[in-house]
Amino acid sequence: MAQTITYRGPRVLVGALAHLLREEGVAFDQPPEDRTDLDPVAVVLIEVRAGEALGPPPGAMIDAAVAKFTKRFGDDTALIEIADTEMRPPS
């Protein structure tokens, strides 16, 4: 089972969230960055797949990263939603 993280907030803080996720050991594919978009608010979808690493489950690592993000930047800086998604086999 994979999880998706939807981030809606200031474009300048997307990298901070990605850094905190990696710091917690969460592996994900970095979404492409559109440097031509001048909108100050970004909507980014990150898909996290469970790896084979031993340690805390991905959900706990994601929760820890989001907690650090909100502690550092505040609760109302960005909306971060986490949802479970089913992995579909490649077609």
N, C-alpha and C. Protein backbone atom coordinates (compact mmCIF):
# COMPACT_ATOMS: atom_id res chain seq x y z
N MET A 1 0.85 -1.17 0.00
CA MET A 1 0.00 0.00 0.00
C MET A 1 0.90 1.24 0.00
N ALA A 2 0.54 2.18 -0.81
CA ALA A 2 1.28 3.44 -0.89
C ALA A 2 0.50 4.52 -0.15
N GLN A 3 1.17 5.61 0.09
CA GLN A 3 0.51 6.76 0.69
C GLN A 3 0.79 7.97 -0.18
N THR A 4 -0.18 8.86 -0.25
CA THR A 4 0.04 10.11 -0.96
C THR A 4 0.00 11.26 0.02
N ILE A 5 0.85 12.21 -0.22
CA ILE A 5 0.91 13.43 0.59
C ILE A 5 0.54 14.57 -0.34
N THR A 6 -0.50 15.30 0.00
CA THR A 6 -0.89 16.46 -0.79
C THR A 6 -0.52 17.70 0.01
N TYR A 7 0.31 18.53 -0.60
CA TYR A 7 0.78 19.76 0.03
C TYR A 7 0.14 20.94 -0.69
N ARG A 8 -0.49 21.82 0.05
CA ARG A 8 -1.02 23.07 -0.48
C ARG A 8 -0.49 24.19 0.40
N GLY A 9 0.41 24.97 -0.16
CA GLY A 9 1.00 26.03 0.64
C GLY A 9 2.02 26.81 -0.15
N PRO A 10 2.79 27.62 0.55
CA PRO A 10 3.78 28.46 -0.12
C PRO A 10 4.79 27.62 -0.92
N ARG A 11 5.01 28.04 -2.14
CA ARG A 11 5.94 27.33 -3.03
C ARG A 11 7.34 27.22 -2.42
N VAL A 12 7.74 28.24 -1.68
CA VAL A 12 9.11 28.25 -1.12
C VAL A 12 9.31 27.20 -0.04
N LEU A 13 8.23 26.62 0.51
CA LEU A 13 8.38 25.63 1.58
C LEU A 13 8.26 24.18 1.11
N VAL A 14 8.01 23.97 -0.18
CA VAL A 14 7.91 22.59 -0.69
C VAL A 14 9.22 21.85 -0.47
N GLY A 15 10.33 22.52 -0.73
CA GLY A 15 11.65 21.90 -0.53
C GLY A 15 11.91 21.56 0.92
N ALA A 16 11.41 22.39 1.84
CA ALA A 16 11.59 22.12 3.27
C ALA A 16 10.85 20.84 3.66
N LEU A 17 9.64 20.67 3.14
CA LEU A 17 8.90 19.44 3.44
C LEU A 17 9.62 18.23 2.86
N ALA A 18 10.10 18.34 1.63
CA ALA A 18 10.83 17.23 1.00
C ALA A 18 12.07 16.88 1.82
N HIS A 19 12.78 17.89 2.29
CA HIS A 19 13.98 17.66 3.11
C HIS A 19 13.63 16.92 4.40
N LEU A 20 12.57 17.36 5.08
CA LEU A 20 12.18 16.72 6.33
C LEU A 20 11.72 15.28 6.11
N LEU A 21 11.03 15.03 4.99
CA LEU A 21 10.62 13.66 4.68
C LEU A 21 11.85 12.77 4.48
N ARG A 22 12.83 13.26 3.72
CA ARG A 22 14.05 12.48 3.50
C ARG A 22 14.82 12.28 4.80
N GLU A 23 14.83 13.32 5.63
CA GLU A 23 15.52 13.23 6.92
C GLU A 23 14.93 12.11 7.78
N GLU A 24 13.63 11.88 7.66
CA GLU A 24 12.96 10.82 8.42
C GLU A 24 13.11 9.45 7.75
N GLY A 25 13.71 9.42 6.55
CA GLY A 25 13.91 8.15 5.86
C GLY A 25 12.82 7.79 4.89
N VAL A 26 11.96 8.74 4.53
CA VAL A 26 10.88 8.48 3.59
C VAL A 26 11.44 8.59 2.17
N ALA A 27 11.26 7.53 1.38
CA ALA A 27 11.72 7.53 -0.01
C ALA A 27 10.55 7.87 -0.93
N PHE A 28 10.79 8.77 -1.86
CA PHE A 28 9.75 9.15 -2.81
C PHE A 28 10.40 9.73 -4.05
N ASP A 29 9.63 9.75 -5.13
CA ASP A 29 10.10 10.38 -6.36
C ASP A 29 9.79 11.86 -6.26
N GLN A 30 10.79 12.70 -6.46
CA GLN A 30 10.60 14.15 -6.39
C GLN A 30 9.70 14.57 -7.55
N PRO A 31 8.58 15.24 -7.27
CA PRO A 31 7.74 15.71 -8.35
C PRO A 31 8.49 16.77 -9.17
N PRO A 32 8.19 16.85 -10.47
CA PRO A 32 8.87 17.86 -11.28
C PRO A 32 8.51 19.27 -10.80
N GLU A 33 9.47 20.15 -10.88
CA GLU A 33 9.25 21.53 -10.43
C GLU A 33 9.04 22.41 -11.65
N ASP A 34 7.96 23.18 -11.64
CA ASP A 34 7.66 24.10 -12.74
C ASP A 34 8.14 25.48 -12.34
N ARG A 35 9.30 25.86 -12.82
CA ARG A 35 9.87 27.16 -12.45
C ARG A 35 9.24 28.31 -13.21
N THR A 36 8.37 28.01 -14.18
CA THR A 36 7.69 29.08 -14.92
C THR A 36 6.41 29.52 -14.23
N ASP A 37 5.93 28.71 -13.29
CA ASP A 37 4.70 29.03 -12.57
C ASP A 37 4.99 30.08 -11.50
N LEU A 38 4.34 31.22 -11.60
CA LEU A 38 4.59 32.31 -10.66
C LEU A 38 3.58 32.37 -9.52
N ASP A 39 2.64 31.42 -9.49
CA ASP A 39 1.65 31.39 -8.42
C ASP A 39 2.38 31.13 -7.09
N PRO A 40 2.14 31.97 -6.07
CA PRO A 40 2.85 31.79 -4.80
C PRO A 40 2.41 30.55 -4.02
N VAL A 41 1.25 29.98 -4.38
CA VAL A 41 0.75 28.80 -3.67
C VAL A 41 0.95 27.57 -4.56
N ALA A 42 1.57 26.57 -4.02
CA ALA A 42 1.83 25.33 -4.77
C ALA A 42 0.88 24.23 -4.30
N VAL A 43 0.50 23.38 -5.23
CA VAL A 43 -0.22 22.15 -4.89
C VAL A 43 0.66 21.02 -5.43
N VAL A 44 1.21 20.22 -4.51
CA VAL A 44 2.15 19.17 -4.89
C VAL A 44 1.64 17.84 -4.34
N LEU A 45 1.67 16.82 -5.17
CA LEU A 45 1.26 15.47 -4.77
C LEU A 45 2.50 14.59 -4.75
N ILE A 46 2.80 14.01 -3.60
CA ILE A 46 3.97 13.14 -3.45
C ILE A 46 3.45 11.74 -3.15
N GLU A 47 3.91 10.75 -3.93
CA GLU A 47 3.51 9.37 -3.68
C GLU A 47 4.66 8.62 -3.01
N VAL A 48 4.35 8.02 -1.88
CA VAL A 48 5.35 7.29 -1.10
C VAL A 48 5.01 5.81 -1.16
N ARG A 49 6.00 5.00 -1.54
CA ARG A 49 5.80 3.56 -1.60
C ARG A 49 6.58 2.91 -0.46
N ALA A 50 6.00 1.89 0.09
CA ALA A 50 6.69 1.16 1.17
C ALA A 50 7.91 0.48 0.59
N GLY A 51 9.03 0.66 1.26
CA GLY A 51 10.28 0.04 0.81
C GLY A 51 10.54 -1.23 1.60
N GLU A 52 11.73 -1.75 1.42
CA GLU A 52 12.10 -2.97 2.13
C GLU A 52 12.96 -2.67 3.35
N ALA A 53 13.10 -1.42 3.68
CA ALA A 53 13.96 -1.04 4.81
C ALA A 53 13.31 -1.43 6.13
N LEU A 54 14.16 -1.78 7.07
CA LEU A 54 13.67 -2.07 8.41
C LEU A 54 13.57 -0.76 9.17
N GLY A 55 12.67 -0.70 10.09
CA GLY A 55 12.51 0.52 10.87
C GLY A 55 11.04 0.84 11.02
N PRO A 56 10.76 2.09 11.38
CA PRO A 56 9.37 2.46 11.58
C PRO A 56 8.58 2.36 10.28
N PRO A 57 7.28 2.13 10.36
CA PRO A 57 6.46 2.08 9.15
C PRO A 57 6.45 3.46 8.48
N PRO A 58 6.25 3.50 7.15
CA PRO A 58 6.27 4.78 6.43
C PRO A 58 5.30 5.80 7.02
N GLY A 59 4.14 5.36 7.48
CA GLY A 59 3.17 6.30 8.05
C GLY A 59 3.72 7.05 9.25
N ALA A 60 4.46 6.34 10.09
CA ALA A 60 5.05 6.98 11.28
C ALA A 60 6.14 7.97 10.88
N MET A 61 6.91 7.62 9.85
CA MET A 61 7.97 8.53 9.39
C MET A 61 7.37 9.78 8.75
N ILE A 62 6.29 9.61 7.99
CA ILE A 62 5.62 10.75 7.37
C ILE A 62 5.03 11.65 8.45
N ASP A 63 4.37 11.04 9.43
CA ASP A 63 3.78 11.83 10.53
C ASP A 63 4.85 12.62 11.27
N ALA A 64 6.01 12.01 11.49
CA ALA A 64 7.10 12.70 12.19
C ALA A 64 7.61 13.89 11.37
N ALA A 65 7.74 13.71 10.05
CA ALA A 65 8.21 14.80 9.19
C ALA A 65 7.20 15.94 9.15
N VAL A 66 5.91 15.61 9.06
CA VAL A 66 4.87 16.64 9.03
C VAL A 66 4.82 17.37 10.37
N ALA A 67 5.00 16.64 11.47
CA ALA A 67 5.02 17.28 12.79
C ALA A 67 6.18 18.27 12.90
N LYS A 68 7.36 17.88 12.40
CA LYS A 68 8.50 18.80 12.41
C LYS A 68 8.22 20.03 11.55
N PHE A 69 7.58 19.81 10.39
CA PHE A 69 7.26 20.91 9.48
C PHE A 69 6.33 21.91 10.16
N THR A 70 5.25 21.40 10.78
CA THR A 70 4.28 22.30 11.41
C THR A 70 4.88 22.98 12.64
N LYS A 71 5.76 22.29 13.35
CA LYS A 71 6.41 22.92 14.51
C LYS A 71 7.32 24.06 14.05
N ARG A 72 8.01 23.84 12.95
CA ARG A 72 8.96 24.84 12.44
C ARG A 72 8.27 26.01 11.75
N PHE A 73 7.21 25.72 10.96
CA PHE A 73 6.61 26.76 10.13
C PHE A 73 5.20 27.16 10.56
N GLY A 74 4.61 26.45 11.52
CA GLY A 74 3.27 26.79 12.01
C GLY A 74 2.19 25.91 11.40
N ASP A 75 1.09 25.80 12.14
CA ASP A 75 -0.03 24.95 11.70
C ASP A 75 -0.76 25.49 10.48
N ASP A 76 -0.82 26.81 10.36
CA ASP A 76 -1.63 27.39 9.29
C ASP A 76 -0.79 27.89 8.12
N THR A 77 0.46 27.46 8.03
CA THR A 77 1.32 27.84 6.91
C THR A 77 0.91 27.10 5.65
N ALA A 78 0.63 25.81 5.78
CA ALA A 78 0.30 24.97 4.63
C ALA A 78 -0.67 23.88 5.07
N LEU A 79 -1.43 23.37 4.11
CA LEU A 79 -2.31 22.24 4.36
C LEU A 79 -1.61 20.99 3.83
N ILE A 80 -1.40 20.03 4.70
CA ILE A 80 -0.74 18.78 4.31
C ILE A 80 -1.69 17.64 4.65
N GLU A 81 -2.12 16.91 3.61
CA GLU A 81 -3.04 15.79 3.80
C GLU A 81 -2.32 14.50 3.44
N ILE A 82 -2.55 13.46 4.23
CA ILE A 82 -1.94 12.16 4.00
C ILE A 82 -3.07 11.15 3.79
N ALA A 83 -2.96 10.36 2.72
CA ALA A 83 -4.01 9.38 2.42
C ALA A 83 -3.37 8.07 1.97
N ASP A 84 -4.01 6.96 2.32
CA ASP A 84 -3.57 5.65 1.83
C ASP A 84 -4.13 5.47 0.42
N THR A 85 -3.32 4.91 -0.46
CA THR A 85 -3.76 4.62 -1.82
C THR A 85 -3.35 3.20 -2.16
N GLU A 86 -4.14 2.56 -3.00
CA GLU A 86 -3.82 1.20 -3.43
C GLU A 86 -2.84 1.27 -4.58
N MET A 87 -1.88 0.38 -4.54
CA MET A 87 -0.92 0.27 -5.65
C MET A 87 -1.56 -0.58 -6.74
N ARG A 88 -1.56 -0.05 -7.95
CA ARG A 88 -2.07 -0.83 -9.08
C ARG A 88 -0.88 -1.38 -9.85
N PRO A 89 -1.01 -2.61 -10.34
CA PRO A 89 0.09 -3.16 -11.13
C PRO A 89 0.27 -2.34 -12.41
N PRO A 90 1.50 -2.18 -12.88
CA PRO A 90 1.71 -1.42 -14.11
C PRO A 90 1.01 -2.08 -15.28
N SER A 91 0.46 -1.25 -16.17
CA SER A 91 -0.25 -1.82 -17.33
C SER A 91 0.64 -1.92 -18.53
